Amino acid sequence: MISKAGKALNGHLDHRNPLVFDTRELGRRPGAMKRLTRSAEAPGPPSVLGIDGVVGVPENAPVALDLRLESVMEGVLVTGTARATAEGECVRCLEPLAIEVEADFQEMFSYPDADDRNRSRTADPVDDAEDDEDRFFLEDGLFDLESVLRDAVVLALPMQPVCKETCAGLCSECGVRLDENPGHHHDAVDMRWAALQGLAETVQDGEKDNMGGAEPGVDEKQEK
């Protein structure tokens, strides 16, 4: 499986893409190693580096990459670290936040013909197809890091980002930010007494009405 994002118009990987790397200098000598440091721009949709709607590295934001390429029998083992700044929203107070993310990864990019040499003659074609879907292959000595990078960054990000661990969040009743209003509170009403309180107010209102009216029996005397 090869990421489509790193492909040129002719369908092959584009070496000008900063997330496409060339391994041809290693040759196919097991044990050969090369270290690389590169800055690349974060890809945009559909390969977003983050959790959609929660937190992620903005499109075109700088991503610092430190890689080690090691030649092995089956292909090239890529080990690396990506560093970037992710942006999102605090899940408690809904304020914007920025998080420094560091994601480690390791992935094998196999030689295309290594699959044929190592495959058993009695292997089930269906099983082979499923295995290929989970594998990455070199293409003319090039590999695209985008899919590996995306998975690593997503795993390194918090599922519920907060602006700070002590963030008190928002008032559940009125939405006031509690960190800015530490003394904020609402008087709690005991629902067990709410009905009785309403009844007492009704009785008081009735007594006031009677006090404002004529005395009992006055109308009868006037009629006589």
Protein backbone atom coordinates (compact mmCIF):
# COMPACT_ATOMS: atom_id res chain seq x y z
CA MET A 1 0.00 0.00 0.00
CA ILE A 2 1.43 3.36 -1.04
CA SER A 3 0.00 6.75 -0.10
CA LYS A 4 -1.58 8.55 -3.06
CA ALA A 5 -0.60 11.94 -1.64
CA GLY A 6 3.05 11.46 -2.58
CA LYS A 7 2.35 10.41 -6.17
CA ALA A 8 3.09 12.58 -9.16
CA LEU A 9 0.73 12.97 -12.12
CA ASN A 10 2.18 9.87 -13.77
CA GLY A 11 1.17 7.74 -10.79
CA HIS A 12 4.67 7.32 -9.37
CA LEU A 13 6.02 8.79 -6.16
CA ASP A 14 7.23 12.35 -6.55
CA HIS A 15 10.72 12.83 -5.08
CA ARG A 16 10.00 16.57 -4.73
CA ASN A 17 7.37 15.84 -2.09
CA PRO A 18 9.04 16.50 1.31
CA LEU A 19 7.38 13.40 2.76
CA VAL A 20 8.86 11.16 0.04
CA PHE A 21 12.34 9.81 0.79
CA ASP A 22 14.99 8.20 -1.40
CA THR A 23 16.70 5.03 -0.15
CA ARG A 24 18.77 4.22 -3.25
CA GLU A 25 22.01 5.45 -1.64
CA LEU A 26 21.71 2.58 0.84
CA GLY A 27 21.79 0.00 -1.91
CA ARG A 28 20.55 -3.41 -0.83
CA ARG A 29 23.36 -4.15 1.58
CA PRO A 30 21.94 -5.33 4.93
CA GLY A 31 23.32 -3.18 7.72
CA ALA A 32 23.75 -0.01 5.67
CA MET A 33 22.32 2.99 7.51
CA LYS A 34 21.54 6.62 6.81
CA ARG A 35 20.29 9.43 9.04
CA LEU A 36 18.13 12.28 7.78
CA THR A 37 16.80 15.51 9.23
CA ARG A 38 14.10 17.33 7.34
CA SER A 39 11.39 19.93 7.82
CA ALA A 40 8.13 19.31 5.99
CA GLU A 41 4.71 20.91 5.86
CA ALA A 42 1.78 19.08 7.47
CA PRO A 43 -0.55 17.63 4.83
CA GLY A 44 -4.18 18.70 4.57
CA PRO A 45 -7.39 16.70 4.10
CA PRO A 46 -7.91 13.84 3.78
CA SER A 47 -4.58 13.08 5.52
CA VAL A 48 -5.00 15.40 8.50
CA LEU A 49 -2.39 15.00 11.25
CA GLY A 50 -4.80 14.85 14.14
CA ILE A 51 -8.30 14.14 15.37
CA ASP A 52 -10.84 15.95 13.23
CA GLY A 53 -12.73 18.61 15.17
CA VAL A 54 -10.70 18.06 18.35
CA VAL A 55 -6.97 18.69 17.98
CA GLY A 56 -4.43 18.43 15.17
CA VAL A 57 -1.45 19.90 13.36
CA PRO A 58 -2.78 22.62 11.01
CA GLU A 59 -2.33 22.16 7.28
CA ASN A 60 1.04 23.50 6.05
CA ALA A 61 2.35 23.86 9.62
CA PRO A 62 6.05 22.88 9.98
CA VAL A 63 6.86 19.31 11.03
CA ALA A 64 10.45 18.50 12.06
CA LEU A 65 11.52 14.96 11.11
CA ASP A 66 14.51 12.98 12.38
CA LEU A 67 14.85 9.65 10.55
CA ARG A 68 17.12 6.64 10.52
CA LEU A 69 17.00 4.45 7.41
CA GLU A 70 18.43 0.97 7.84
CA SER A 71 18.77 -1.57 5.06
CA VAL A 72 17.65 -5.11 5.97
CA MET A 73 17.02 -8.27 3.99
CA GLU A 74 13.34 -7.52 3.32
CA GLY A 75 13.63 -3.81 2.65
CA VAL A 76 14.33 -0.57 4.55
CA LEU A 77 13.47 -0.17 8.22
CA VAL A 78 12.51 3.43 8.95
CA THR A 79 12.72 4.68 12.55
CA GLY A 80 11.99 8.29 13.38
CA THR A 81 10.53 11.09 15.43
CA ALA A 82 8.23 13.89 14.33
CA ARG A 83 7.82 17.15 16.23
CA ALA A 84 5.11 19.72 15.59
CA THR A 85 2.64 22.07 17.27
CA ALA A 86 -0.98 20.92 17.34
CA GLU A 87 -3.90 23.27 17.81
CA GLY A 88 -7.34 22.61 19.19
CA GLU A 89 -9.88 23.47 21.85
CA CYS A 90 -9.90 22.70 25.56
CA VAL A 91 -12.63 20.16 26.28
CA ARG A 92 -13.35 21.81 29.66
CA CYS A 93 -13.44 25.56 29.00
CA LEU A 94 -13.58 25.53 25.15
CA GLU A 95 -10.67 27.98 24.91
CA PRO A 96 -8.11 27.63 22.05
CA LEU A 97 -4.94 25.74 22.94
CA ALA A 98 -1.62 24.71 21.44
CA ILE A 99 0.19 21.45 22.25
CA GLU A 100 3.77 20.48 21.43
CA VAL A 101 3.55 16.94 20.08
CA GLU A 102 6.40 14.45 19.68
CA ALA A 103 5.55 11.24 17.84
CA ASP A 104 7.86 8.24 17.52
CA PHE A 105 7.37 5.65 14.78
CA GLN A 106 8.98 2.65 13.13
CA GLU A 107 7.89 1.02 9.89
CA MET A 108 9.24 -1.49 7.40
CA PHE A 109 9.13 -0.56 3.72
CA SER A 110 9.58 -3.79 1.79
CA TYR A 111 11.25 -4.37 -1.56
CA PRO A 112 8.55 -5.24 -4.12
CA ASP A 113 10.30 -8.49 -5.06
CA ALA A 114 10.96 -9.46 -1.43
CA ASP A 115 7.27 -10.35 -1.15
CA ASP A 116 7.59 -12.91 -3.97
CA ARG A 117 10.76 -14.48 -2.56
CA ASN A 118 9.42 -14.84 0.98
CA ARG A 119 5.90 -16.00 0.11
CA SER A 120 5.14 -19.68 0.62
CA ARG A 121 4.05 -21.60 -2.48
CA THR A 122 1.14 -23.05 -0.50
CA ALA A 123 -0.03 -19.70 0.85
CA ASP A 124 -3.65 -18.77 0.43
CA PRO A 125 -4.05 -15.94 -2.15
CA VAL A 126 -6.76 -14.37 0.01
CA ASP A 127 -4.46 -14.25 3.03
CA ASP A 128 -1.68 -12.81 0.88
CA ALA A 129 -3.96 -10.01 -0.32
CA GLU A 130 -4.91 -9.15 3.27
CA ASP A 131 -1.24 -9.11 4.30
CA ASP A 132 -0.37 -6.74 1.45
CA GLU A 133 -3.00 -4.26 2.64
CA ASP A 134 -1.13 -3.94 5.95
CA ARG A 135 2.30 -3.60 4.38
CA PHE A 136 4.26 -0.72 2.86
CA PHE A 137 6.42 -1.15 -0.23
CA LEU A 138 9.26 0.80 -1.79
CA GLU A 139 8.67 2.17 -5.26
CA ASP A 140 11.82 2.64 -7.34
CA GLY A 141 13.73 3.04 -4.07
CA LEU A 142 11.32 5.72 -2.80
CA PHE A 143 8.84 5.60 0.08
CA ASP A 144 6.06 7.94 1.19
CA LEU A 145 6.00 8.63 4.93
CA GLU A 146 2.61 10.37 5.04
CA SER A 147 0.43 7.46 6.22
CA VAL A 148 2.95 6.40 8.87
CA LEU A 149 3.33 9.98 10.07
CA ARG A 150 -0.43 10.50 10.32
CA ASP A 151 -0.96 7.37 12.39
CA ALA A 152 1.94 8.24 14.72
CA VAL A 153 0.77 11.81 15.35
CA VAL A 154 -2.83 10.74 16.00
CA LEU A 155 -1.67 8.22 18.60
CA ALA A 156 0.56 10.83 20.27
CA LEU A 157 -2.24 13.40 20.67
CA PRO A 158 -4.56 13.47 23.70
CA MET A 159 -8.12 12.35 23.04
CA GLN A 160 -9.40 15.04 25.42
CA PRO A 161 -7.01 18.01 25.29
CA VAL A 162 -7.06 20.56 28.11
CA CYS A 163 -5.47 24.01 28.31
CA LYS A 164 -4.03 23.00 31.70
CA GLU A 165 -4.51 20.07 34.04
CA THR A 166 -6.15 22.28 36.70
CA CYS A 167 -8.67 23.85 34.30
CA ALA A 168 -11.98 24.11 36.19
CA GLY A 169 -14.06 24.32 33.02
CA LEU A 170 -17.38 26.14 32.65
CA CYS A 171 -20.33 26.55 34.99
CA SER A 172 -22.88 23.92 34.01
CA GLU A 173 -25.74 26.33 34.66
CA CYS A 174 -24.67 29.61 33.06
CA GLY A 175 -21.45 28.84 31.15
CA VAL A 176 -19.16 31.22 33.07
CA ARG A 177 -15.48 30.24 32.94
CA LEU A 178 -14.71 29.12 36.48
CA ASP A 179 -10.96 29.87 36.36
CA GLU A 180 -11.78 33.56 35.86
CA ASN A 181 -14.54 33.51 38.50
CA PRO A 182 -13.29 31.25 41.33
CA GLY A 183 -16.04 32.38 43.72
CA HIS A 184 -18.85 31.82 41.24
CA HIS A 185 -21.75 29.66 42.47
CA HIS A 186 -25.51 29.26 42.30
CA ASP A 187 -27.77 28.75 45.34
CA ALA A 188 -28.95 25.19 45.24
CA VAL A 189 -32.67 24.57 45.76
CA ASP A 190 -33.71 21.37 47.49
CA MET A 191 -36.40 19.97 45.22
CA ARG A 192 -38.04 18.24 48.19
CA TRP A 193 -39.00 21.64 49.61
CA ALA A 194 -39.72 23.41 46.33
CA ALA A 195 -43.39 22.32 46.26
CA LEU A 196 -43.98 23.37 49.87
CA GLN A 197 -42.33 26.72 49.23
CA GLY A 198 -44.66 27.32 46.29
CA LEU A 199 -47.69 26.39 48.41
CA ALA A 200 -46.62 28.78 51.18
CA GLU A 201 -46.30 31.63 48.69
CA THR A 202 -49.79 30.89 47.37
CA VAL A 203 -51.28 31.00 50.88
CA GLN A 204 -49.51 34.28 51.61
CA ASP A 205 -50.87 35.82 48.42
CA GLY A 206 -54.41 34.70 49.38
CA GLU A 207 -54.14 36.29 52.82
CA LYS A 208 -53.04 39.59 51.29
CA ASP A 209 -56.06 39.58 48.98
CA ASN A 210 -58.46 39.03 51.90
CA MET A 211 -56.85 41.85 53.89
CA GLY A 212 -57.42 44.26 51.05
CA GLY A 213 -61.18 43.41 50.73
CA ALA A 214 -64.28 44.39 52.79
CA GLU A 215 -64.98 42.82 56.18
CA PRO A 216 -67.27 39.79 56.15
CA GLY A 217 -70.98 40.67 56.59
CA VAL A 218 -70.70 44.31 55.47
CA ASP A 219 -72.44 43.72 52.18
CA GLU A 220 -75.30 41.87 53.92
CA LYS A 221 -75.96 44.80 56.31
CA GLN A 222 -76.01 47.30 53.45
CA GLU A 223 -78.60 45.20 51.57
CA LYS A 224 -80.88 45.13 54.61
